Amino acid sequence: MNFKLLYQNKTMQLKIYNSLTGEKEIFKPILDGNVGMYVCGPTVYSNVHLGNVRTFLSFDFIYRSLTHLGYKVRYVRNITDAGHLTDDGDVNNDRFVKQTRLEKLEPMEIVQKYTVDFHKVLDMFNLLPPNIEPTATGHIVEQIELTQKLIEKGFAYESNGSVYFDVLEYNKRGLNYGELSKRNIEELFANTRDLDGQGEKKNPQDFALWKKASPAHIMRWNSPWGEGFPGWHLECTAMSTKYLGETFDIHGGGMDLKFPHHECEIAQGKACNGASPVNYWMHANMLTMNSQRMSKSTGNYILPMQLVSGENDFFEKAFHPTIVRFCFLQAHYRSVLDISNDAMIASEKGFTRLMEAVKILNSISSNDQKESNFNVEDWKSKAYDALTDDFNSPILIAHLFEAAKFIFALNDGKETISSKDLEDLKSTLNAFIFDVLGLQAIEENNNEKLDQTLQVLIELRNQARKSKNFELSDQIRDKLLAEGIELKDGRDGTTYVLN
């Protein structure tokens, strides 16, 4: 869909909040009309959690929006399927090692199991797949090459079979480790100076590009420095630059990745190629539940499948995945999103009203040439203003409800609309709801509706029998039988059989 056509040749500019500068900036892609976007994917050692879903859903909305605005997007989202150690370097803290021991499975069985779970969950919430989904283990060669290049340029050093990025050397050359997270690295050096030179690292802030594998470490590869495995930060640099170039448009991820992960990616990219690797850094904020941080240790925790199935202690009922998606999109991606039972119930009611308006609108055919009090072109312009203002989904949704209010008035005969405006409203509203927001109409469960209806009729028949109105009781039974539904009275009450 052509961007200019959407605005009827009006000049409107997309603005994106850049975490690097802390400001909203007019988006200028490197290649006109094209966008390269990389989003940090999951580490597949366990089930994807709801906070992950919030992040990936946010960037799915951004991906859909960019595509809708007419950009050709190359969307890359990686899979981290190689183990990486925590800061203490203890192999027993490696997530993959822990999980293989716990489940008594091979590492790649763990990878396959939770990659399948990840895709299943994202499909459930109607996320579009990325154009490219590279894996860390599939790019070991590229990571070794990057490490060698950093050593040659003097930004990295080998120590006891491991290779580390030299943060102090990076800063000495006039570069700024900490520019994204706005951390004062000089203070960090001062506060930890007594530890400098201990162990393998020159400085405590240095991070691993390649780590020597201990005998207990299962996942290992040959390298010029011996058997080992890549550093977590290096994986994303290798994969993003391979598919999007040394400098690309957008890099996204959760707020928790800003430091150290994304900070290290910037340092690696600048050190390797002499240029900042990304023009626009975007970060989705965290998810809380009942105004508290989600955490397994506190018990304030729920998996996506548990929210959808209703098998949990936090929500009174199950919620359809598209209701969850709608709830998530009612908060801006940069805002903290809090979910609760009340929030989900409210989202369900709002979604139902919106879908009812769409159903009514799509059924209306009008040749009425009278102008309406509802200015469709003005409404459309405001909706696109929200979309192009750093992908403001809550404001966009508010405008959709404004249109829904008009549609109900139109249905009640209180408003009129011209054929031209009607078609414009139909196409725009449907595009926003289904293409941009990625919502789906919920199909009614006819079996469930039938059961509920029959239970009402059975209760009416029981009341008739109690009041000795046998004529009405028999009439209900006989009419149902004529429709192929046989009532059976037993000791435990009345049941029905479909014939």
Protein backbone atom coordinates (compact mmCIF):
# COMPACT_ATOMS: atom_id res chain seq x y z
CA MET A 1 0.00 0.00 0.00
CA ASN A 2 1.52 3.31 -1.05
CA PHE A 3 2.22 5.69 1.83
CA LYS A 4 1.27 8.82 -0.11
CA LEU A 5 -2.02 7.34 -1.28
CA LEU A 6 -3.07 6.70 2.30
CA TYR A 7 -2.77 10.39 3.00
CA GLN A 8 -4.12 11.48 -0.34
CA ASN A 9 -0.75 13.09 -1.15
CA LYS A 10 -0.59 14.96 2.15
CA THR A 11 2.89 15.23 3.64
CA MET A 12 3.00 13.39 6.95
CA GLN A 13 6.20 12.20 8.60
CA LEU A 14 6.82 9.17 10.75
CA LYS A 15 8.47 9.96 14.06
CA ILE A 16 10.27 7.35 16.16
CA TYR A 17 11.55 7.70 19.72
CA ASN A 18 15.26 6.93 19.57
CA SER A 19 16.58 5.48 22.84
CA LEU A 20 20.09 6.56 21.83
CA THR A 21 19.24 10.28 21.73
CA GLY A 22 16.26 10.23 24.10
CA GLU A 23 14.15 12.13 21.57
CA LYS A 24 11.48 11.56 18.94
CA GLU A 25 13.09 11.89 15.54
CA ILE A 26 11.77 12.05 11.99
CA PHE A 27 12.39 8.62 10.53
CA LYS A 28 14.76 8.66 7.57
CA PRO A 29 15.58 5.17 6.32
CA ILE A 30 19.01 4.49 4.85
CA LEU A 31 17.42 3.32 1.61
CA ASP A 32 14.31 5.28 0.66
CA GLY A 33 11.14 3.22 1.02
CA ASN A 34 12.98 0.32 2.69
CA VAL A 35 13.51 -0.56 6.36
CA GLY A 36 15.99 -2.95 7.93
CA MET A 37 14.80 -3.96 11.41
CA TYR A 38 16.46 -6.35 13.85
CA VAL A 39 14.77 -7.49 17.08
CA CYS A 40 16.49 -9.56 19.75
CA GLY A 41 14.70 -12.90 19.90
CA PRO A 42 14.34 -15.46 22.69
CA THR A 43 16.93 -17.62 24.40
CA VAL A 44 15.20 -20.97 23.94
CA TYR A 45 15.94 -22.80 27.18
CA SER A 46 12.45 -22.51 28.69
CA ASN A 47 8.86 -21.49 27.89
CA VAL A 48 8.44 -17.98 26.52
CA HIS A 49 6.97 -15.80 29.28
CA LEU A 50 4.30 -13.13 29.07
CA GLY A 51 6.81 -10.27 29.30
CA ASN A 52 8.57 -11.66 26.21
CA VAL A 53 5.22 -11.79 24.41
CA ARG A 54 4.62 -8.13 25.22
CA THR A 55 7.97 -7.19 23.62
CA PHE A 56 7.54 -9.31 20.51
CA LEU A 57 3.91 -8.19 20.12
CA SER A 58 5.02 -4.54 20.31
CA PHE A 59 7.46 -5.04 17.46
CA ASP A 60 4.90 -7.05 15.51
CA PHE A 61 2.65 -3.96 15.69
CA ILE A 62 5.56 -1.77 14.59
CA TYR A 63 6.35 -4.17 11.72
CA ARG A 64 2.69 -4.19 10.63
CA SER A 65 2.54 -0.39 10.86
CA LEU A 66 5.67 0.14 8.77
CA THR A 67 4.35 -2.27 6.14
CA HIS A 68 0.95 -0.57 6.15
CA LEU A 69 2.62 2.81 5.66
CA GLY A 70 4.16 1.52 2.46
CA TYR A 71 7.67 0.56 3.55
CA LYS A 72 9.32 -2.62 2.35
CA VAL A 73 10.59 -4.13 5.60
CA ARG A 74 13.28 -6.75 6.09
CA TYR A 75 12.49 -7.95 9.61
CA VAL A 76 15.16 -10.10 11.28
CA ARG A 77 14.54 -11.71 14.68
CA ASN A 78 17.10 -14.17 15.99
CA ILE A 79 16.95 -17.35 18.05
CA THR A 80 19.63 -17.67 20.74
CA ASP A 81 20.25 -21.42 20.90
CA ALA A 82 23.79 -21.43 22.30
CA GLY A 83 24.55 -21.27 25.98
CA HIS A 84 26.09 -18.21 27.52
CA LEU A 85 27.40 -17.81 31.05
CA THR A 86 26.32 -15.36 33.70
CA ASP A 87 28.81 -12.73 34.85
CA ASP A 88 30.45 -15.03 37.37
CA GLY A 89 31.52 -17.40 34.57
CA ASP A 90 30.28 -20.48 36.43
CA VAL A 91 29.23 -23.20 33.98
CA ASN A 92 26.63 -24.36 36.51
CA ASN A 93 24.81 -21.08 35.92
CA ASP A 94 24.59 -21.59 32.16
CA ARG A 95 20.88 -21.73 31.38
CA PHE A 96 21.17 -24.46 28.77
CA VAL A 97 23.39 -26.61 30.99
CA LYS A 98 20.93 -26.26 33.86
CA GLN A 99 17.94 -27.17 31.71
CA THR A 100 19.61 -30.17 30.08
CA ARG A 101 20.39 -31.54 33.54
CA LEU A 102 16.90 -30.81 34.82
CA GLU A 103 15.05 -32.39 31.89
CA LYS A 104 17.72 -35.03 31.09
CA LEU A 105 17.74 -34.02 27.42
CA GLU A 106 20.39 -33.18 24.86
CA PRO A 107 21.00 -29.44 24.34
CA MET A 108 19.44 -29.44 20.87
CA GLU A 109 16.39 -31.27 22.23
CA ILE A 110 15.97 -28.37 24.66
CA VAL A 111 16.43 -25.91 21.79
CA GLN A 112 13.87 -27.68 19.59
CA LYS A 113 11.32 -28.08 22.38
CA TYR A 114 11.29 -24.42 23.37
CA THR A 115 11.66 -23.03 19.85
CA VAL A 116 8.47 -24.90 18.97
CA ASP A 117 6.81 -23.48 22.11
CA PHE A 118 7.94 -19.96 21.16
CA HIS A 119 6.47 -20.20 17.66
CA LYS A 120 3.27 -21.79 18.95
CA VAL A 121 2.69 -18.98 21.45
CA LEU A 122 3.42 -16.22 18.94
CA ASP A 123 1.14 -17.84 16.35
CA MET A 124 -1.60 -17.96 18.99
CA PHE A 125 -1.35 -14.18 19.44
CA ASN A 126 -1.32 -13.65 15.63
CA LEU A 127 2.24 -12.35 15.34
CA LEU A 128 3.60 -12.29 11.81
CA PRO A 129 6.82 -14.28 11.32
CA PRO A 130 10.01 -12.30 10.61
CA ASN A 131 11.50 -12.36 7.12
CA ILE A 132 14.64 -14.01 8.49
CA GLU A 133 15.02 -15.93 11.75
CA PRO A 134 18.72 -16.81 12.14
CA THR A 135 20.12 -18.95 14.96
CA ALA A 136 23.27 -18.32 16.97
CA THR A 137 24.59 -21.85 16.33
CA GLY A 138 24.13 -21.34 12.61
CA HIS A 139 26.51 -18.36 12.64
CA ILE A 140 29.53 -19.56 14.61
CA VAL A 141 31.89 -18.88 11.68
CA GLU A 142 30.73 -15.24 11.44
CA GLN A 143 31.22 -14.80 15.19
CA ILE A 144 34.75 -16.18 15.10
CA GLU A 145 35.57 -13.85 12.19
CA LEU A 146 34.23 -10.83 14.11
CA THR A 147 36.29 -11.78 17.16
CA GLN A 148 39.46 -12.07 15.05
CA LYS A 149 38.78 -8.67 13.50
CA LEU A 150 38.38 -7.06 16.94
CA ILE A 151 41.67 -8.60 18.10
CA GLU A 152 43.45 -7.32 14.97
CA LYS A 153 42.09 -3.80 15.58
CA GLY A 154 43.30 -3.87 19.19
CA PHE A 155 39.85 -3.81 20.77
CA ALA A 156 40.01 -7.37 22.11
CA TYR A 157 42.51 -9.69 23.75
CA GLU A 158 42.88 -13.42 24.32
CA SER A 159 43.24 -14.73 27.86
CA ASN A 160 43.49 -18.40 28.78
CA GLY A 161 41.48 -19.58 25.77
CA SER A 162 38.82 -16.87 26.11
CA VAL A 163 38.59 -13.55 24.26
CA TYR A 164 37.36 -10.32 25.86
CA PHE A 165 36.40 -6.90 24.53
CA ASP A 166 38.64 -4.21 26.03
CA VAL A 167 36.23 -1.52 27.24
CA LEU A 168 38.98 0.73 28.62
CA GLU A 169 40.82 0.68 25.27
CA TYR A 170 37.53 1.48 23.52
CA ASN A 171 37.04 4.57 25.69
CA LYS A 172 40.69 5.61 25.34
CA ARG A 173 40.17 5.92 21.59
CA GLY A 174 37.48 8.55 22.10
CA LEU A 175 34.54 6.18 21.86
CA ASN A 176 31.87 6.08 24.52
CA TYR A 177 30.88 2.80 26.14
CA GLY A 178 27.68 3.76 27.95
CA GLU A 179 26.20 6.13 25.36
CA LEU A 180 22.95 4.16 25.03
CA SER A 181 22.28 3.43 28.70
CA LYS A 182 23.67 6.83 29.76
CA ARG A 183 25.89 5.10 32.31
CA ASN A 184 29.04 6.79 33.51
CA ILE A 185 31.59 4.10 32.81
CA GLU A 186 34.45 6.15 34.28
CA GLU A 187 32.72 5.98 37.68
CA LEU A 188 32.29 2.24 37.31
CA PHE A 189 36.00 1.88 36.66
CA ALA A 190 36.81 3.98 39.73
CA ASN A 191 34.47 2.02 41.97
CA THR A 192 35.88 -1.36 40.94
CA ARG A 193 39.56 -0.50 40.46
CA ASP A 194 40.66 -2.89 43.21
CA LEU A 195 39.50 -5.81 41.08
CA ASP A 196 41.36 -4.78 37.90
CA GLY A 197 43.80 -7.39 36.62
CA GLN A 198 42.34 -10.24 38.69
CA GLY A 199 41.29 -13.38 36.83
CA GLU A 200 41.23 -13.50 33.04
CA LYS A 201 39.96 -9.96 32.39
CA LYS A 202 42.04 -6.81 32.28
CA ASN A 203 39.07 -4.85 33.62
CA PRO A 204 35.83 -6.00 35.32
CA GLN A 205 33.76 -4.22 32.65
CA ASP A 206 35.30 -6.20 29.80
CA PHE A 207 32.83 -8.64 28.27
CA ALA A 208 33.36 -12.01 26.62
CA LEU A 209 33.45 -12.32 22.85
CA TRP A 210 34.46 -15.98 23.02
CA LYS A 211 34.52 -18.15 26.13
CA LYS A 212 36.68 -21.20 26.73
CA ALA A 213 34.53 -24.26 27.35
CA SER A 214 35.15 -26.12 30.58
CA PRO A 215 34.94 -29.94 30.57
CA ALA A 216 31.40 -29.66 31.95
CA HIS A 217 30.22 -27.39 29.14
CA ILE A 218 28.17 -29.36 26.59
CA MET A 219 27.89 -26.87 23.70
CA ARG A 220 31.32 -26.13 22.24
CA TRP A 221 32.97 -25.29 18.92
CA ASN A 222 36.54 -25.20 17.63
CA SER A 223 38.17 -21.79 17.29
CA PRO A 224 41.66 -20.29 16.92
CA TRP A 225 41.71 -20.00 20.74
CA GLY A 226 40.59 -23.55 21.49
CA GLU A 227 37.19 -25.14 22.07
CA GLY A 228 34.58 -22.71 23.31
CA PHE A 229 31.37 -20.89 22.57
CA PRO A 230 30.43 -17.33 21.54
CA GLY A 231 29.55 -14.46 23.82
CA TRP A 232 25.89 -13.50 23.95
CA HIS A 233 26.46 -9.94 22.73
CA LEU A 234 28.54 -11.07 19.77
CA GLU A 235 25.76 -13.31 18.43
CA CYS A 236 23.42 -10.42 17.66
CA THR A 237 26.14 -8.29 16.09
CA ALA A 238 27.10 -11.15 13.75
CA MET A 239 23.52 -11.93 12.70
CA SER A 240 22.21 -8.36 12.39
CA THR A 241 25.12 -7.12 10.27
CA LYS A 242 25.11 -10.20 8.05
CA TYR A 243 21.50 -9.69 6.97
CA LEU A 244 21.06 -5.92 7.34
CA GLY A 245 24.53 -4.47 6.77
CA GLU A 246 27.13 -2.75 8.94
CA THR A 247 24.64 0.07 9.63
CA PHE A 248 20.89 -0.49 9.51
CA ASP A 249 17.72 1.37 10.41
CA ILE A 250 16.05 -0.06 13.52
CA HIS A 251 17.17 -2.31 16.37
CA GLY A 252 14.54 -3.33 18.90
CA GLY A 253 14.22 -5.31 22.09
CA GLY A 254 13.05 -5.17 25.67
CA MET A 255 14.10 -2.37 28.01
CA ASP A 256 16.08 -4.91 30.04
CA LEU A 257 18.45 -5.44 27.09
CA LYS A 258 19.56 -1.82 26.87
CA PHE A 259 22.46 -2.55 29.22
CA PRO A 260 24.67 -4.42 28.84
CA HIS A 261 23.49 -6.27 25.70
CA HIS A 262 22.69 -3.41 23.33
CA GLU A 263 25.48 -1.26 24.76
CA CYS A 264 27.92 -4.04 23.88
CA GLU A 265 26.45 -4.38 20.39
CA ILE A 266 27.11 -0.69 19.74
CA ALA A 267 30.69 -1.04 20.98
CA GLN A 268 31.32 -4.13 18.84
CA GLY A 269 29.85 -2.50 15.74
CA LYS A 270 31.80 0.75 16.13
CA ALA A 271 35.04 -1.04 16.93
CA CYS A 272 34.69 -3.40 13.95
CA ASN A 273 33.38 -1.08 11.27
CA GLY A 274 34.13 2.44 12.48
CA ALA A 275 30.45 3.44 12.42
CA SER A 276 27.42 3.21 14.68
CA PRO A 277 25.59 -0.01 13.75
CA VAL A 278 22.05 1.30 14.22
CA ASN A 279 20.31 4.60 13.48
CA TYR A 280 17.20 4.12 15.66
CA TRP A 281 17.21 2.11 18.88
CA MET A 282 13.72 1.15 20.11
CA HIS A 283 12.87 -0.46 23.45
CA ALA A 284 9.60 -1.92 24.69
CA ASN A 285 8.86 -1.43 28.36
CA MET A 286 8.16 -4.07 30.97
CA LEU A 287 4.99 -5.96 31.87
CA THR A 288 3.62 -6.10 35.41
CA MET A 289 0.68 -8.02 36.86
CA ASN A 290 -1.58 -6.57 39.54
CA SER A 291 0.86 -3.63 39.80
CA GLN A 292 3.74 -5.92 40.78
CA ARG A 293 6.75 -7.19 38.87
CA MET A 294 6.18 -10.64 37.42
CA SER A 295 8.50 -13.11 39.13
CA LYS A 296 8.59 -16.86 39.71
CA SER A 297 10.21 -16.35 43.11
CA THR A 298 7.29 -14.25 44.43
CA GLY A 299 4.60 -16.38 42.76
CA ASN A 300 3.33 -13.36 40.80
CA TYR A 301 3.84 -15.19 37.54
CA ILE A 302 1.77 -16.64 34.71
CA LEU A 303 2.57 -18.25 31.37
CA PRO A 304 0.80 -17.12 28.18
CA MET A 305 -0.99 -20.46 27.79
CA GLN A 306 -2.30 -20.24 31.36
CA LEU A 307 -3.84 -16.84 30.69
CA VAL A 308 -5.56 -18.13 27.56
CA SER A 309 -6.73 -21.42 29.09
CA GLY A 310 -7.89 -19.92 32.38
CA GLU A 311 -5.78 -22.40 34.35
CA ASN A 312 -4.40 -19.91 36.86
CA ASP A 313 -5.21 -18.27 40.20
CA PHE A 314 -5.07 -14.65 39.01
CA PHE A 315 -7.92 -14.33 36.49
CA GLU A 316 -11.57 -15.32 36.88
CA LYS A 317 -11.85 -16.84 33.40
CA ALA A 318 -10.02 -17.73 30.23
CA PHE A 319 -9.34 -14.97 27.70
CA HIS A 320 -9.09 -15.40 23.96
CA PRO A 321 -5.59 -14.57 22.60
CA THR A 322 -6.91 -11.65 20.56
CA ILE A 323 -8.39 -10.14 23.77
CA VAL A 324 -4.93 -10.37 25.35
CA ARG A 325 -3.42 -8.77 22.25
CA PHE A 326 -6.00 -5.96 22.38
CA CYS A 327 -5.25 -5.40 26.07
CA PHE A 328 -1.51 -5.18 25.40
CA LEU A 329 -1.96 -2.67 22.56
CA GLN A 330 -3.96 -0.32 24.77
CA ALA A 331 -0.65 0.71 26.35
CA HIS A 332 2.08 2.45 24.36
CA TYR A 333 5.04 0.18 23.74
CA ARG A 334 7.31 2.51 25.75
CA SER A 335 4.97 2.52 28.77
CA VAL A 336 4.83 -0.04 31.56
CA LEU A 337 1.85 -2.33 30.92
CA ASP A 338 -0.02 -3.67 33.94
CA ILE A 339 -2.43 -6.55 33.45
CA SER A 340 -5.09 -7.55 35.94
CA ASN A 341 -8.44 -9.30 35.98
CA ASP A 342 -10.27 -5.97 35.74
CA ALA A 343 -8.07 -4.82 32.85
CA MET A 344 -8.73 -8.03 30.93
CA ILE A 345 -12.50 -7.85 31.52
CA ALA A 346 -12.52 -4.22 30.35
CA SER A 347 -10.51 -5.16 27.26
CA GLU A 348 -12.94 -7.95 26.45
CA LYS A 349 -15.90 -5.56 26.66
CA GLY A 350 -14.12 -2.95 24.55
CA PHE A 351 -13.09 -5.51 21.94
CA THR A 352 -16.66 -6.86 21.72
CA ARG A 353 -18.02 -3.36 21.16
CA LEU A 354 -15.42 -2.63 18.49
CA MET A 355 -16.14 -5.90 16.66
CA GLU A 356 -19.87 -5.23 16.81
CA ALA A 357 -19.28 -1.84 15.18
CA VAL A 358 -17.20 -3.44 12.42
CA LYS A 359 -19.90 -6.04 11.79
CA ILE A 360 -22.57 -3.34 11.51
CA LEU A 361 -20.40 -1.15 9.27
CA ASN A 362 -19.57 -3.99 6.88
CA SER A 363 -23.27 -4.83 6.54
CA ILE A 364 -24.35 -1.28 5.66
CA SER A 365 -24.95 -0.35 2.04
CA SER A 366 -26.03 3.21 1.39
CA ASN A 367 -26.63 5.45 -1.59
CA ASP A 368 -27.36 8.34 0.68
CA GLN A 369 -25.41 11.34 -0.61
CA LYS A 370 -26.09 13.47 2.45
CA GLU A 371 -23.05 14.67 4.30
CA SER A 372 -22.54 13.46 7.84
CA ASN A 373 -21.59 15.31 10.98
CA PHE A 374 -18.77 12.80 11.21
CA ASN A 375 -15.87 13.98 9.06
CA VAL A 376 -14.31 10.74 7.82
CA GLU A 377 -11.29 12.44 6.27
CA ASP A 378 -10.57 14.35 9.48
CA TRP A 379 -10.97 11.17 11.55
CA LYS A 380 -8.68 9.29 9.22
CA SER A 381 -6.03 12.01 9.44
CA LYS A 382 -6.10 11.90 13.27
CA ALA A 383 -5.78 8.13 13.26
CA TYR A 384 -2.72 8.30 11.02
CA ASP A 385 -1.29 11.08 13.16
CA ALA A 386 -1.39 8.65 16.10
CA LEU A 387 0.16 5.84 14.08
CA THR A 388 3.02 8.00 12.81
CA ASP A 389 3.67 9.54 16.24
CA ASP A 390 5.99 6.79 17.46
CA PHE A 391 3.35 4.09 16.82
CA ASN A 392 0.91 5.37 19.44
CA SER A 393 -1.47 2.41 19.64
CA PRO A 394 -3.63 3.66 22.59
CA ILE A 395 -4.42 6.94 20.80
CA LEU A 396 -5.12 5.05 17.59
CA ILE A 397 -7.52 2.74 19.46
CA ALA A 398 -9.26 5.76 20.99
CA HIS A 399 -9.92 7.05 17.46
CA LEU A 400 -11.30 3.64 16.48
CA PHE A 401 -13.82 3.86 19.32
CA GLU A 402 -14.74 7.35 18.10
CA ALA A 403 -15.62 5.78 14.75
CA ALA A 404 -17.52 2.97 16.52
CA LYS A 405 -19.68 5.53 18.31
CA PHE A 406 -20.61 7.08 14.96
CA ILE A 407 -21.36 3.64 13.46
CA PHE A 408 -23.84 2.83 16.24
CA ALA A 409 -25.54 6.18 15.70
CA LEU A 410 -25.61 5.46 11.97
CA ASN A 411 -27.22 2.09 12.63
CA ASP A 412 -29.86 3.74 14.83
CA GLY A 413 -30.77 6.18 12.06
CA LYS A 414 -29.36 9.14 13.95
CA GLU A 415 -26.60 9.77 11.40
CA THR A 416 -26.15 9.66 7.63
CA ILE A 417 -23.15 9.05 5.43
CA SER A 418 -22.39 9.33 1.73
CA SER A 419 -21.44 6.25 -0.28
CA LYS A 420 -17.93 7.60 -0.80
CA ASP A 421 -17.36 8.22 2.91
CA LEU A 422 -18.92 4.87 3.79
CA GLU A 423 -16.48 2.95 1.62
CA ASP A 424 -13.56 5.02 2.88
CA LEU A 425 -14.57 4.39 6.51
CA LYS A 426 -15.00 0.66 5.85
CA SER A 427 -11.62 0.16 4.22
CA THR A 428 -9.73 2.31 6.74
CA LEU A 429 -11.35 0.88 9.87
CA ASN A 430 -10.89 -2.71 8.71
CA ALA A 431 -7.26 -2.03 7.79
CA PHE A 432 -6.47 -0.52 11.19
CA ILE A 433 -8.18 -3.27 13.18
CA PHE A 434 -7.13 -6.37 11.27
CA ASP A 435 -3.95 -5.42 9.39
CA VAL A 436 -2.27 -2.89 11.67
CA LEU A 437 -3.41 -3.93 15.16
CA GLY A 438 -3.49 -7.56 14.08
CA LEU A 439 -6.78 -8.33 15.86
CA GLN A 440 -8.93 -11.26 14.80
CA ALA A 441 -12.67 -11.75 14.88
CA ILE A 442 -13.60 -14.34 17.50
CA GLU A 443 -15.72 -17.10 16.07
CA GLU A 444 -18.67 -17.96 18.25
CA ASN A 445 -18.60 -21.44 19.71
CA ASN A 446 -21.93 -22.74 18.45
CA ASN A 447 -21.80 -25.83 20.66
CA GLU A 448 -21.29 -23.68 23.72
CA LYS A 449 -24.14 -21.36 22.70
CA LEU A 450 -26.43 -24.36 22.08
CA ASP A 451 -25.62 -25.82 25.47
CA GLN A 452 -26.33 -22.51 27.20
CA THR A 453 -29.66 -22.17 25.35
CA LEU A 454 -30.72 -25.72 26.18
CA GLN A 455 -29.84 -25.26 29.83
CA VAL A 456 -32.16 -22.23 29.91
CA LEU A 457 -34.99 -24.28 28.32
CA ILE A 458 -34.39 -27.17 30.73
CA GLU A 459 -34.60 -24.77 33.66
CA LEU A 460 -37.87 -23.28 32.30
CA ARG A 461 -39.28 -26.80 31.93
CA ASN A 462 -38.25 -27.69 35.48
CA GLN A 463 -39.98 -24.58 36.81
CA ALA A 464 -43.11 -25.47 34.82
CA ARG A 465 -43.10 -28.96 36.30
CA LYS A 466 -42.67 -27.61 39.83
CA SER A 467 -45.66 -25.31 39.35
CA LYS A 468 -47.58 -28.29 37.84
CA ASN A 469 -47.86 -26.59 34.45
CA PHE A 470 -47.47 -29.91 32.67
CA GLU A 471 -48.86 -28.56 29.42
CA LEU A 472 -45.94 -26.11 29.08
CA SER A 473 -43.49 -28.74 30.31
CA ASP A 474 -44.62 -31.24 27.67
CA GLN A 475 -44.68 -28.56 25.00
CA ILE A 476 -41.00 -27.68 25.63
CA ARG A 477 -40.03 -31.38 25.58
CA ASP A 478 -42.01 -32.19 22.42
CA LYS A 479 -40.79 -29.16 20.45
CA LEU A 480 -37.19 -29.96 21.29
CA LEU A 481 -37.73 -33.58 20.27
CA ALA A 482 -39.14 -32.43 16.95
CA GLU A 483 -35.82 -30.57 16.40
CA GLY A 484 -33.83 -33.71 17.19
CA ILE A 485 -33.07 -32.91 20.83
CA GLU A 486 -34.24 -35.52 23.32
CA LEU A 487 -34.55 -34.62 27.02
CA LYS A 488 -33.85 -37.37 29.53
CA ASP A 489 -35.00 -37.02 33.15
CA GLY A 490 -32.87 -38.88 35.69
CA ARG A 491 -31.94 -39.02 39.33
CA ASP A 492 -29.24 -36.37 38.84
CA GLY A 493 -31.43 -34.03 36.83
CA THR A 494 -32.30 -33.53 33.17
CA THR A 495 -29.82 -34.07 30.36
CA TYR A 496 -30.17 -33.88 26.59
CA VAL A 497 -29.13 -36.02 23.64
CA LEU A 498 -28.74 -34.76 20.07
CA ASN A 499 -30.35 -37.22 17.65
